[in-house]
């Protein structure tokens, strides 16, 4: 596990607080033939 881990707690109304064990995310950015940005950033999992 990484050395610089910061404990994070997820708190949601009406539920018990839970420690976050793993976060997985990805961002995509459309580009044109020359590598210039051509769309809006998209996030999420497929």
C-alpha atoms as a PDB file:
ATOM      1  CA  UNK A   1       0.000   0.000   0.000  1.00  0.00           C
ATOM      2  CA  UNK A   2       1.164   3.565  -0.658  1.00  0.00           C
ATOM      3  CA  UNK A   3       3.089   5.350   2.064  1.00  0.00           C
ATOM      4  CA  UNK A   4       1.229   8.662   1.775  1.00  0.00           C
ATOM      5  CA  UNK A   5      -2.252   7.309   2.531  1.00  0.00           C
ATOM      6  CA  UNK A   6      -4.682   9.754   4.119  1.00  0.00           C
ATOM      7  CA  UNK A   7      -7.611   8.121   5.950  1.00  0.00           C
ATOM      8  CA  UNK A   8     -10.948   9.161   4.457  1.00  0.00           C
ATOM      9  CA  UNK A   9     -14.401   8.634   5.928  1.00  0.00           C
ATOM     10  CA  UNK A  10     -17.594   8.642   3.876  1.00  0.00           C
ATOM     11  CA  UNK A  11     -20.564  10.076   5.753  1.00  0.00           C
ATOM     12  CA  UNK A  12     -24.079   9.809   4.298  1.00  0.00           C
ATOM     13  CA  UNK A  13     -27.179  11.014   6.092  1.00  0.00           C
ATOM     14  CA  UNK A  14     -29.063   8.206   7.891  1.00  0.00           C
ATOM     15  CA  UNK A  15     -26.165   5.741   7.426  1.00  0.00           C
ATOM     16  CA  UNK A  16     -23.192   4.828   9.597  1.00  0.00           C
ATOM     17  CA  UNK A  17     -19.894   6.487   8.665  1.00  0.00           C
ATOM     18  CA  UNK A  18     -17.556   4.178   6.732  1.00  0.00           C
ATOM     19  CA  UNK A  19     -13.851   4.306   5.979  1.00  0.00           C
ATOM     20  CA  UNK A  20     -13.100   4.547   2.254  1.00  0.00           C
ATOM     21  CA  UNK A  21     -10.876   1.632   1.268  1.00  0.00           C
ATOM     22  CA  UNK A  22     -10.550   2.140  -2.484  1.00  0.00           C
ATOM     23  CA  UNK A  23     -11.395   4.824  -5.040  1.00  0.00           C
ATOM     24  CA  UNK A  24     -11.207   4.073  -8.767  1.00  0.00           C
ATOM     25  CA  UNK A  25     -11.862   6.751 -11.374  1.00  0.00           C
ATOM     26  CA  UNK A  26     -10.993   7.675 -14.956  1.00  0.00           C
ATOM     27  CA  UNK A  27     -11.341  10.777 -17.128  1.00  0.00           C
ATOM     28  CA  UNK A  28     -11.368  10.949 -20.915  1.00  0.00           C
ATOM     29  CA  UNK A  29     -10.811  14.022 -23.083  1.00  0.00           C
ATOM     30  CA  UNK A  30     -11.602  14.009 -26.808  1.00  0.00           C
ATOM     31  CA  UNK A  31      -8.832  15.402 -29.023  1.00  0.00           C
ATOM     32  CA  UNK A  32      -8.476  16.102 -32.740  1.00  0.00           C
ATOM     33  CA  UNK A  33      -5.769  14.758 -35.119  1.00  0.00           C
ATOM     34  CA  UNK A  34      -3.283  17.307 -33.824  1.00  0.00           C
ATOM     35  CA  UNK A  35      -3.904  16.530 -30.148  1.00  0.00           C
ATOM     36  CA  UNK A  36      -5.923  19.668 -29.438  1.00  0.00           C
ATOM     37  CA  UNK A  37      -8.935  19.442 -27.124  1.00  0.00           C
ATOM     38  CA  UNK A  38     -12.116  18.962 -29.155  1.00  0.00           C
ATOM     39  CA  UNK A  39     -14.730  17.931 -26.585  1.00  0.00           C
ATOM     40  CA  UNK A  40     -15.716  18.147 -22.945  1.00  0.00           C
ATOM     41  CA  UNK A  41     -14.088  15.892 -20.314  1.00  0.00           C
ATOM     42  CA  UNK A  42     -16.041  12.728 -19.550  1.00  0.00           C
ATOM     43  CA  UNK A  43     -15.819  10.701 -16.368  1.00  0.00           C
ATOM     44  CA  UNK A  44     -17.166   7.430 -15.059  1.00  0.00           C
ATOM     45  CA  UNK A  45     -16.693   3.738 -15.569  1.00  0.00           C
ATOM     46  CA  UNK A  46     -17.785   1.525 -18.443  1.00  0.00           C
END
